[in-house]
């Protein structure tokens, strides 16, 4: 078991405090006030309360750090300081429909050494308030579920693989692109699942529950923590053409080494 660092303890405390409030709100969904903020985006008081809770906790623990948050946007920190990337409620539609599959996602990101922009994600945590599961990782220290080490699946054949995805919906994503990828991947795998929370999909790849994952048109707060957790669990994360960057948002392809190379070839071929 790895010793839990002060950074992870700060993140887990914030996620669990927000998660407790989300559990209570989940039990009172019919009374929640919900508004639409875009063509297919909804925000509830639960989102806002959870984000405020996380912000307050993280700000108290690391006063100089900046923030990138789903609802409040970018809040600059002190010059040269890292920042938090926060999704207070990933899986909002599931939450609002009474489906118990959603998560709090928090990541910590460093600046590049030359000061030219943002660099590596150094810590990530995904917390499911319903199952009380905390998936976490730190750069070069491995990935964990509570105090148990995480490893991506060892499956080597696509015919045995269960793959997760996110399907474009109402104003989000390129449905034509998704259809081409689905048509190429679907016949070669054991199954495809769409559960509606990208951070948990990535955490489940790290845990070996899913063998791979693809989705596009995401945001940094959807993927920053989950991508690090996959990598630290021994997996590979890239865009659809095999490029690897610090934070994947517009395109994410994640799997173990053997399946990633095969999925990458299939996806790239489908998009030619």
C-alpha atoms as a PDB file:
ATOM      1  CA  UNK A   1       0.000   0.000   0.000  1.00  0.00           C
ATOM      2  CA  UNK A   2       1.280   3.468  -0.880  1.00  0.00           C
ATOM      3  CA  UNK A   3       1.458   6.126   1.783  1.00  0.00           C
ATOM      4  CA  UNK A   4      -1.298   8.638   1.072  1.00  0.00           C
ATOM      5  CA  UNK A   5       0.205  12.072   0.497  1.00  0.00           C
ATOM      6  CA  UNK A   6      -1.055  15.315   1.942  1.00  0.00           C
ATOM      7  CA  UNK A   7      -2.198  16.348  -1.535  1.00  0.00           C
ATOM      8  CA  UNK A   8      -4.422  13.301  -1.959  1.00  0.00           C
ATOM      9  CA  UNK A   9      -5.799  13.717   1.556  1.00  0.00           C
ATOM     10  CA  UNK A  10      -6.810  17.290   0.718  1.00  0.00           C
ATOM     11  CA  UNK A  11      -8.521  16.155  -2.488  1.00  0.00           C
ATOM     12  CA  UNK A  12     -10.316  13.258  -0.819  1.00  0.00           C
ATOM     13  CA  UNK A  13     -11.567  15.408   2.037  1.00  0.00           C
ATOM     14  CA  UNK A  14     -13.048  17.904  -0.438  1.00  0.00           C
ATOM     15  CA  UNK A  15     -14.573  15.181  -2.630  1.00  0.00           C
ATOM     16  CA  UNK A  16     -16.122  13.325   0.310  1.00  0.00           C
ATOM     17  CA  UNK A  17     -17.573  16.496   1.811  1.00  0.00           C
ATOM     18  CA  UNK A  18     -19.173  17.408  -1.517  1.00  0.00           C
ATOM     19  CA  UNK A  19     -20.184  13.784  -2.095  1.00  0.00           C
ATOM     20  CA  UNK A  20     -22.114  13.661   1.169  1.00  0.00           C
ATOM     21  CA  UNK A  21     -24.166  16.646   0.039  1.00  0.00           C
ATOM     22  CA  UNK A  22     -24.724  15.065  -3.366  1.00  0.00           C
ATOM     23  CA  UNK A  23     -26.037  11.881  -1.720  1.00  0.00           C
ATOM     24  CA  UNK A  24     -28.539  13.921   0.269  1.00  0.00           C
ATOM     25  CA  UNK A  25     -29.615  15.881  -2.799  1.00  0.00           C
ATOM     26  CA  UNK A  26     -29.905  12.640  -4.789  1.00  0.00           C
ATOM     27  CA  UNK A  27     -32.507  11.492  -2.276  1.00  0.00           C
ATOM     28  CA  UNK A  28     -34.503  14.677  -2.871  1.00  0.00           C
ATOM     29  CA  UNK A  29     -34.211  14.981  -6.657  1.00  0.00           C
ATOM     30  CA  UNK A  30     -37.872  15.810  -7.166  1.00  0.00           C
ATOM     31  CA  UNK A  31     -37.391  18.974  -5.088  1.00  0.00           C
ATOM     32  CA  UNK A  32     -34.222  20.213  -6.807  1.00  0.00           C
ATOM     33  CA  UNK A  33     -34.315  23.375  -8.875  1.00  0.00           C
ATOM     34  CA  UNK A  34     -32.838  22.690 -12.307  1.00  0.00           C
ATOM     35  CA  UNK A  35     -31.989  25.146 -15.072  1.00  0.00           C
ATOM     36  CA  UNK A  36     -30.667  24.726 -18.592  1.00  0.00           C
ATOM     37  CA  UNK A  37     -27.388  26.480 -19.356  1.00  0.00           C
ATOM     38  CA  UNK A  38     -26.957  25.361 -22.964  1.00  0.00           C
ATOM     39  CA  UNK A  39     -28.403  23.144 -25.712  1.00  0.00           C
ATOM     40  CA  UNK A  40     -27.842  19.973 -23.693  1.00  0.00           C
ATOM     41  CA  UNK A  41     -26.352  21.157 -20.398  1.00  0.00           C
ATOM     42  CA  UNK A  42     -28.221  21.266 -17.131  1.00  0.00           C
ATOM     43  CA  UNK A  43     -27.172  22.679 -13.817  1.00  0.00           C
ATOM     44  CA  UNK A  44     -28.881  22.145 -10.490  1.00  0.00           C
ATOM     45  CA  UNK A  45     -28.411  23.564  -7.048  1.00  0.00           C
ATOM     46  CA  UNK A  46     -26.676  20.281  -6.265  1.00  0.00           C
ATOM     47  CA  UNK A  47     -23.923  21.072  -8.813  1.00  0.00           C
ATOM     48  CA  UNK A  48     -23.443  24.538  -7.451  1.00  0.00           C
ATOM     49  CA  UNK A  49     -23.416  23.472  -3.806  1.00  0.00           C
ATOM     50  CA  UNK A  50     -20.933  20.684  -4.488  1.00  0.00           C
ATOM     51  CA  UNK A  51     -18.628  22.978  -6.447  1.00  0.00           C
ATOM     52  CA  UNK A  52     -18.707  25.631  -3.740  1.00  0.00           C
ATOM     53  CA  UNK A  53     -17.895  23.036  -1.099  1.00  0.00           C
ATOM     54  CA  UNK A  54     -14.923  21.750  -3.078  1.00  0.00           C
ATOM     55  CA  UNK A  55     -13.703  25.274  -3.824  1.00  0.00           C
ATOM     56  CA  UNK A  56     -13.817  26.287  -0.168  1.00  0.00           C
ATOM     57  CA  UNK A  57     -11.995  23.151   0.986  1.00  0.00           C
ATOM     58  CA  UNK A  58      -9.259  23.322  -1.640  1.00  0.00           C
ATOM     59  CA  UNK A  59      -8.764  27.069  -1.268  1.00  0.00           C
ATOM     60  CA  UNK A  60      -8.297  26.708   2.484  1.00  0.00           C
ATOM     61  CA  UNK A  61      -5.730  23.943   1.975  1.00  0.00           C
ATOM     62  CA  UNK A  62      -3.779  25.562  -0.894  1.00  0.00           C
ATOM     63  CA  UNK A  63      -4.547  29.322  -0.795  1.00  0.00           C
ATOM     64  CA  UNK A  64      -2.382  30.335  -3.754  1.00  0.00           C
ATOM     65  CA  UNK A  65      -3.561  27.759  -6.259  1.00  0.00           C
ATOM     66  CA  UNK A  66      -5.825  28.520  -9.212  1.00  0.00           C
ATOM     67  CA  UNK A  67      -8.952  26.716 -10.356  1.00  0.00           C
ATOM     68  CA  UNK A  68     -10.599  25.466 -13.527  1.00  0.00           C
ATOM     69  CA  UNK A  69     -14.163  24.501 -12.610  1.00  0.00           C
ATOM     70  CA  UNK A  70     -17.147  23.370 -14.636  1.00  0.00           C
ATOM     71  CA  UNK A  71     -19.582  25.960 -13.317  1.00  0.00           C
ATOM     72  CA  UNK A  72     -17.426  28.878 -12.082  1.00  0.00           C
ATOM     73  CA  UNK A  73     -14.851  28.687 -14.867  1.00  0.00           C
ATOM     74  CA  UNK A  74     -11.202  29.715 -14.492  1.00  0.00           C
ATOM     75  CA  UNK A  75      -9.992  31.451 -11.338  1.00  0.00           C
ATOM     76  CA  UNK A  76      -6.362  32.507 -11.535  1.00  0.00           C
ATOM     77  CA  UNK A  77      -4.009  31.665  -8.698  1.00  0.00           C
ATOM     78  CA  UNK A  78      -0.684  33.146  -7.760  1.00  0.00           C
ATOM     79  CA  UNK A  79       1.899  33.396 -10.517  1.00  0.00           C
ATOM     80  CA  UNK A  80       3.616  30.073 -11.087  1.00  0.00           C
ATOM     81  CA  UNK A  81       1.236  28.126  -8.832  1.00  0.00           C
ATOM     82  CA  UNK A  82      -0.502  24.880  -9.819  1.00  0.00           C
ATOM     83  CA  UNK A  83      -4.258  24.724 -10.300  1.00  0.00           C
ATOM     84  CA  UNK A  84      -7.160  22.476  -9.455  1.00  0.00           C
ATOM     85  CA  UNK A  85      -9.362  21.068 -12.241  1.00  0.00           C
ATOM     86  CA  UNK A  86     -12.788  20.306 -10.770  1.00  0.00           C
ATOM     87  CA  UNK A  87     -15.968  18.633 -11.952  1.00  0.00           C
ATOM     88  CA  UNK A  88     -18.301  18.682  -8.949  1.00  0.00           C
ATOM     89  CA  UNK A  89     -20.857  16.365 -10.557  1.00  0.00           C
ATOM     90  CA  UNK A  90     -19.853  14.290 -13.564  1.00  0.00           C
ATOM     91  CA  UNK A  91     -22.959  12.502 -14.775  1.00  0.00           C
ATOM     92  CA  UNK A  92     -25.465  15.304 -14.191  1.00  0.00           C
ATOM     93  CA  UNK A  93     -28.101  13.719 -16.441  1.00  0.00           C
ATOM     94  CA  UNK A  94     -27.830  10.428 -14.549  1.00  0.00           C
ATOM     95  CA  UNK A  95     -28.174  12.315 -11.264  1.00  0.00           C
ATOM     96  CA  UNK A  96     -31.233  14.241 -12.405  1.00  0.00           C
ATOM     97  CA  UNK A  97     -32.930  11.066 -13.677  1.00  0.00           C
ATOM     98  CA  UNK A  98     -32.347   9.163 -10.453  1.00  0.00           C
ATOM     99  CA  UNK A  99     -29.633   6.917 -11.909  1.00  0.00           C
ATOM    100  CA  UNK A 100     -27.008   6.221  -9.211  1.00  0.00           C
ATOM    101  CA  UNK A 101     -23.931   6.592 -11.415  1.00  0.00           C
ATOM    102  CA  UNK A 102     -22.115   9.911 -11.036  1.00  0.00           C
ATOM    103  CA  UNK A 103     -18.886  11.186  -9.547  1.00  0.00           C
ATOM    104  CA  UNK A 104     -16.804  14.043  -8.194  1.00  0.00           C
ATOM    105  CA  UNK A 105     -13.581  14.547 -10.159  1.00  0.00           C
ATOM    106  CA  UNK A 106     -10.604  16.592  -8.915  1.00  0.00           C
ATOM    107  CA  UNK A 107      -7.152  16.910 -10.491  1.00  0.00           C
ATOM    108  CA  UNK A 108      -4.045  18.961  -9.702  1.00  0.00           C
ATOM    109  CA  UNK A 109      -2.064  20.344 -12.643  1.00  0.00           C
ATOM    110  CA  UNK A 110       1.402  21.928 -12.694  1.00  0.00           C
ATOM    111  CA  UNK A 111       2.598  24.753 -14.867  1.00  0.00           C
ATOM    112  CA  UNK A 112       5.284  24.033 -17.464  1.00  0.00           C
ATOM    113  CA  UNK A 113       8.790  24.702 -16.209  1.00  0.00           C
ATOM    114  CA  UNK A 114       9.306  27.436 -18.803  1.00  0.00           C
ATOM    115  CA  UNK A 115       6.097  29.161 -17.717  1.00  0.00           C
ATOM    116  CA  UNK A 116       4.559  28.866 -21.181  1.00  0.00           C
ATOM    117  CA  UNK A 117       1.345  27.183 -20.081  1.00  0.00           C
ATOM    118  CA  UNK A 118      -0.042  24.196 -18.237  1.00  0.00           C
ATOM    119  CA  UNK A 119       1.894  20.963 -17.973  1.00  0.00           C
ATOM    120  CA  UNK A 120       1.351  17.586 -16.351  1.00  0.00           C
ATOM    121  CA  UNK A 121      -1.479  16.507 -14.128  1.00  0.00           C
ATOM    122  CA  UNK A 122       0.306  15.412 -10.937  1.00  0.00           C
ATOM    123  CA  UNK A 123      -2.637  14.003  -8.976  1.00  0.00           C
ATOM    124  CA  UNK A 124      -6.168  12.898  -9.744  1.00  0.00           C
ATOM    125  CA  UNK A 125      -9.123  11.596  -7.757  1.00  0.00           C
ATOM    126  CA  UNK A 126     -12.548  10.317  -8.810  1.00  0.00           C
ATOM    127  CA  UNK A 127     -15.079   9.710  -6.041  1.00  0.00           C
ATOM    128  CA  UNK A 128     -18.401   7.896  -6.470  1.00  0.00           C
ATOM    129  CA  UNK A 129     -20.652   9.039  -3.599  1.00  0.00           C
ATOM    130  CA  UNK A 130     -23.142   6.193  -4.081  1.00  0.00           C
ATOM    131  CA  UNK A 131     -20.663   3.294  -3.931  1.00  0.00           C
ATOM    132  CA  UNK A 132     -18.242   5.219  -1.680  1.00  0.00           C
ATOM    133  CA  UNK A 133     -15.351   4.315  -4.014  1.00  0.00           C
ATOM    134  CA  UNK A 134     -12.325   6.604  -4.216  1.00  0.00           C
ATOM    135  CA  UNK A 135     -10.093   6.083  -7.253  1.00  0.00           C
ATOM    136  CA  UNK A 136      -6.873   8.084  -7.057  1.00  0.00           C
ATOM    137  CA  UNK A 137      -3.403   8.422  -8.498  1.00  0.00           C
ATOM    138  CA  UNK A 138      -0.286  10.516  -8.250  1.00  0.00           C
ATOM    139  CA  UNK A 139       2.244  10.917 -11.016  1.00  0.00           C
ATOM    140  CA  UNK A 140       4.848   8.113 -10.834  1.00  0.00           C
ATOM    141  CA  UNK A 141       3.249   6.633  -7.670  1.00  0.00           C
ATOM    142  CA  UNK A 142       0.647   4.318  -9.164  1.00  0.00           C
ATOM    143  CA  UNK A 143      -3.144   4.220  -9.120  1.00  0.00           C
ATOM    144  CA  UNK A 144      -5.314   3.034  -6.263  1.00  0.00           C
ATOM    145  CA  UNK A 145      -8.868   2.217  -5.207  1.00  0.00           C
ATOM    146  CA  UNK A 146      -8.854   3.125  -1.534  1.00  0.00           C
ATOM    147  CA  UNK A 147      -5.681   1.284  -0.441  1.00  0.00           C
ATOM    148  CA  UNK A 148      -5.672  -1.384  -3.164  1.00  0.00           C
ATOM    149  CA  UNK A 149      -3.441  -1.080  -6.222  1.00  0.00           C
ATOM    150  CA  UNK A 150      -5.205  -0.651  -9.566  1.00  0.00           C
ATOM    151  CA  UNK A 151      -4.135  -2.358 -12.784  1.00  0.00           C
ATOM    152  CA  UNK A 152      -5.716  -2.152 -16.219  1.00  0.00           C
ATOM    153  CA  UNK A 153      -7.091  -5.426 -17.548  1.00  0.00           C
ATOM    154  CA  UNK A 154      -4.764  -8.040 -18.982  1.00  0.00           C
ATOM    155  CA  UNK A 155      -6.997  -8.955 -21.914  1.00  0.00           C
ATOM    156  CA  UNK A 156      -5.144  -9.088 -25.222  1.00  0.00           C
ATOM    157  CA  UNK A 157      -7.950  -9.865 -27.652  1.00  0.00           C
ATOM    158  CA  UNK A 158     -10.604  -7.413 -28.810  1.00  0.00           C
ATOM    159  CA  UNK A 159     -13.103 -10.256 -29.053  1.00  0.00           C
ATOM    160  CA  UNK A 160     -12.990 -10.518 -25.235  1.00  0.00           C
ATOM    161  CA  UNK A 161     -12.999  -6.776 -24.547  1.00  0.00           C
ATOM    162  CA  UNK A 162     -15.751  -4.663 -23.013  1.00  0.00           C
ATOM    163  CA  UNK A 163     -15.407  -1.086 -24.262  1.00  0.00           C
ATOM    164  CA  UNK A 164     -17.026   2.061 -22.851  1.00  0.00           C
ATOM    165  CA  UNK A 165     -17.958   5.155 -24.821  1.00  0.00           C
ATOM    166  CA  UNK A 166     -19.858   8.406 -24.654  1.00  0.00           C
ATOM    167  CA  UNK A 167     -22.541   8.954 -27.290  1.00  0.00           C
ATOM    168  CA  UNK A 168     -23.043  12.453 -28.779  1.00  0.00           C
ATOM    169  CA  UNK A 169     -26.310  14.057 -27.726  1.00  0.00           C
ATOM    170  CA  UNK A 170     -28.303  17.265 -28.217  1.00  0.00           C
ATOM    171  CA  UNK A 171     -25.688  19.766 -29.345  1.00  0.00           C
ATOM    172  CA  UNK A 172     -22.603  17.910 -28.117  1.00  0.00           C
ATOM    173  CA  UNK A 173     -20.218  15.925 -30.265  1.00  0.00           C
ATOM    174  CA  UNK A 174     -20.039  14.704 -33.844  1.00  0.00           C
ATOM    175  CA  UNK A 175     -22.617  11.965 -34.277  1.00  0.00           C
ATOM    176  CA  UNK A 176     -21.364  11.056 -37.751  1.00  0.00           C
ATOM    177  CA  UNK A 177     -17.849  10.535 -36.405  1.00  0.00           C
ATOM    178  CA  UNK A 178     -19.167   8.417 -33.531  1.00  0.00           C
ATOM    179  CA  UNK A 179     -21.203   6.242 -35.911  1.00  0.00           C
ATOM    180  CA  UNK A 180     -18.103   5.557 -38.022  1.00  0.00           C
ATOM    181  CA  UNK A 181     -16.074   4.555 -34.980  1.00  0.00           C
ATOM    182  CA  UNK A 182     -18.903   2.455 -33.518  1.00  0.00           C
ATOM    183  CA  UNK A 183     -19.340   0.685 -36.867  1.00  0.00           C
ATOM    184  CA  UNK A 184     -15.654  -0.205 -36.930  1.00  0.00           C
ATOM    185  CA  UNK A 185     -15.199  -1.144 -33.262  1.00  0.00           C
ATOM    186  CA  UNK A 186     -18.549  -2.786 -32.505  1.00  0.00           C
ATOM    187  CA  UNK A 187     -18.196  -5.942 -34.635  1.00  0.00           C
ATOM    188  CA  UNK A 188     -14.781  -6.717 -33.123  1.00  0.00           C
ATOM    189  CA  UNK A 189     -15.464  -6.482 -29.373  1.00  0.00           C
ATOM    190  CA  UNK A 190     -17.477  -8.369 -26.775  1.00  0.00           C
ATOM    191  CA  UNK A 191     -19.631  -5.369 -25.948  1.00  0.00           C
ATOM    192  CA  UNK A 192     -19.933  -1.582 -25.820  1.00  0.00           C
ATOM    193  CA  UNK A 193     -21.377   0.324 -22.854  1.00  0.00           C
ATOM    194  CA  UNK A 194     -22.497   3.943 -22.387  1.00  0.00           C
ATOM    195  CA  UNK A 195     -22.848   4.797 -18.694  1.00  0.00           C
ATOM    196  CA  UNK A 196     -22.807   8.598 -18.886  1.00  0.00           C
ATOM    197  CA  UNK A 197     -19.896   9.711 -16.660  1.00  0.00           C
ATOM    198  CA  UNK A 198     -16.516   9.925 -18.407  1.00  0.00           C
ATOM    199  CA  UNK A 199     -14.482  10.230 -15.203  1.00  0.00           C
ATOM    200  CA  UNK A 200     -15.937   6.961 -13.901  1.00  0.00           C
ATOM    201  CA  UNK A 201     -15.502   5.277 -17.288  1.00  0.00           C
ATOM    202  CA  UNK A 202     -11.784   6.085 -17.113  1.00  0.00           C
ATOM    203  CA  UNK A 203     -11.543   4.985 -13.479  1.00  0.00           C
ATOM    204  CA  UNK A 204     -13.186   1.705 -14.446  1.00  0.00           C
ATOM    205  CA  UNK A 205     -10.641   1.220 -17.261  1.00  0.00           C
ATOM    206  CA  UNK A 206      -7.921   1.668 -14.633  1.00  0.00           C
ATOM    207  CA  UNK A 207      -9.667  -0.903 -12.422  1.00  0.00           C
ATOM    208  CA  UNK A 208      -9.980  -3.426 -15.268  1.00  0.00           C
ATOM    209  CA  UNK A 209     -13.777  -3.308 -15.261  1.00  0.00           C
ATOM    210  CA  UNK A 210     -13.711  -1.866 -18.762  1.00  0.00           C
ATOM    211  CA  UNK A 211     -10.979  -2.835 -21.217  1.00  0.00           C
ATOM    212  CA  UNK A 212     -11.081   0.427 -23.153  1.00  0.00           C
ATOM    213  CA  UNK A 213     -12.862   3.733 -23.629  1.00  0.00           C
ATOM    214  CA  UNK A 214     -13.345   6.318 -26.334  1.00  0.00           C
ATOM    215  CA  UNK A 215     -15.156   9.632 -26.426  1.00  0.00           C
ATOM    216  CA  UNK A 216     -14.788  13.068 -27.983  1.00  0.00           C
ATOM    217  CA  UNK A 217     -15.940  16.625 -27.270  1.00  0.00           C
ATOM    218  CA  UNK A 218     -15.173  16.399 -23.561  1.00  0.00           C
ATOM    219  CA  UNK A 219     -13.791  19.079 -21.244  1.00  0.00           C
ATOM    220  CA  UNK A 220     -10.619  19.146 -19.156  1.00  0.00           C
ATOM    221  CA  UNK A 221     -12.618  18.625 -15.952  1.00  0.00           C
ATOM    222  CA  UNK A 222     -14.148  15.439 -17.413  1.00  0.00           C
ATOM    223  CA  UNK A 223     -10.818  13.768 -18.123  1.00  0.00           C
ATOM    224  CA  UNK A 224      -7.890  15.279 -16.190  1.00  0.00           C
ATOM    225  CA  UNK A 225      -8.144  13.002 -13.153  1.00  0.00           C
ATOM    226  CA  UNK A 226      -9.304   9.886 -15.005  1.00  0.00           C
ATOM    227  CA  UNK A 227      -6.561   9.961 -17.634  1.00  0.00           C
ATOM    228  CA  UNK A 228      -3.854  10.113 -14.974  1.00  0.00           C
ATOM    229  CA  UNK A 229      -5.466   7.238 -13.081  1.00  0.00           C
ATOM    230  CA  UNK A 230      -5.465   5.099 -16.259  1.00  0.00           C
ATOM    231  CA  UNK A 231      -1.823   5.874 -17.004  1.00  0.00           C
ATOM    232  CA  UNK A 232      -0.732   5.162 -13.448  1.00  0.00           C
ATOM    233  CA  UNK A 233      -2.631   1.853 -13.606  1.00  0.00           C
ATOM    234  CA  UNK A 234      -0.450   0.828 -16.549  1.00  0.00           C
ATOM    235  CA  UNK A 235      -2.765   1.925 -19.358  1.00  0.00           C
ATOM    236  CA  UNK A 236      -2.320   4.151 -22.371  1.00  0.00           C
ATOM    237  CA  UNK A 237      -4.268   7.333 -23.151  1.00  0.00           C
ATOM    238  CA  UNK A 238      -4.126   9.249 -26.431  1.00  0.00           C
ATOM    239  CA  UNK A 239      -6.268  11.093 -28.908  1.00  0.00           C
ATOM    240  CA  UNK A 240      -7.834   9.168 -31.778  1.00  0.00           C
ATOM    241  CA  UNK A 241      -4.626   9.394 -33.827  1.00  0.00           C
ATOM    242  CA  UNK A 242      -2.307   8.213 -31.101  1.00  0.00           C
ATOM    243  CA  UNK A 243      -0.975  11.532 -29.790  1.00  0.00           C
ATOM    244  CA  UNK A 244      -0.457  11.900 -26.050  1.00  0.00           C
ATOM    245  CA  UNK A 245      -0.813  15.226 -24.230  1.00  0.00           C
ATOM    246  CA  UNK A 246      -1.065  16.371 -20.603  1.00  0.00           C
ATOM    247  CA  UNK A 247      -4.866  16.643 -20.584  1.00  0.00           C
ATOM    248  CA  UNK A 248      -7.142  15.012 -23.146  1.00  0.00           C
ATOM    249  CA  UNK A 249     -10.476  16.672 -23.715  1.00  0.00           C
ATOM    250  CA  UNK A 250     -11.500  16.768 -27.345  1.00  0.00           C
ATOM    251  CA  UNK A 251     -10.592  13.140 -28.012  1.00  0.00           C
ATOM    252  CA  UNK A 252      -9.836  10.329 -25.562  1.00  0.00           C
ATOM    253  CA  UNK A 253      -8.826   6.762 -26.344  1.00  0.00           C
ATOM    254  CA  UNK A 254      -7.797   4.679 -23.321  1.00  0.00           C
ATOM    255  CA  UNK A 255      -6.944   0.988 -22.879  1.00  0.00           C
ATOM    256  CA  UNK A 256      -4.146  -1.379 -21.916  1.00  0.00           C
ATOM    257  CA  UNK A 257      -1.078  -1.532 -24.166  1.00  0.00           C
ATOM    258  CA  UNK A 258      -2.197  -4.376 -26.441  1.00  0.00           C
ATOM    259  CA  UNK A 259      -5.772  -3.199 -26.911  1.00  0.00           C
ATOM    260  CA  UNK A 260      -4.871   0.468 -27.234  1.00  0.00           C
ATOM    261  CA  UNK A 261      -2.688  -0.155 -30.264  1.00  0.00           C
ATOM    262  CA  UNK A 262      -5.439  -2.181 -31.927  1.00  0.00           C
ATOM    263  CA  UNK A 263      -8.203   0.282 -31.059  1.00  0.00           C
ATOM    264  CA  UNK A 264      -6.078   3.166 -32.265  1.00  0.00           C
ATOM    265  CA  UNK A 265      -5.634   1.552 -35.667  1.00  0.00           C
ATOM    266  CA  UNK A 266      -9.347   0.800 -35.941  1.00  0.00           C
ATOM    267  CA  UNK A 267     -10.442   4.289 -34.872  1.00  0.00           C
ATOM    268  CA  UNK A 268      -7.885   6.076 -37.058  1.00  0.00           C
ATOM    269  CA  UNK A 269      -8.908   3.911 -39.993  1.00  0.00           C
ATOM    270  CA  UNK A 270     -12.581   4.690 -39.459  1.00  0.00           C
ATOM    271  CA  UNK A 271     -11.871   8.432 -39.571  1.00  0.00           C
ATOM    272  CA  UNK A 272      -9.841   8.449 -42.807  1.00  0.00           C
END
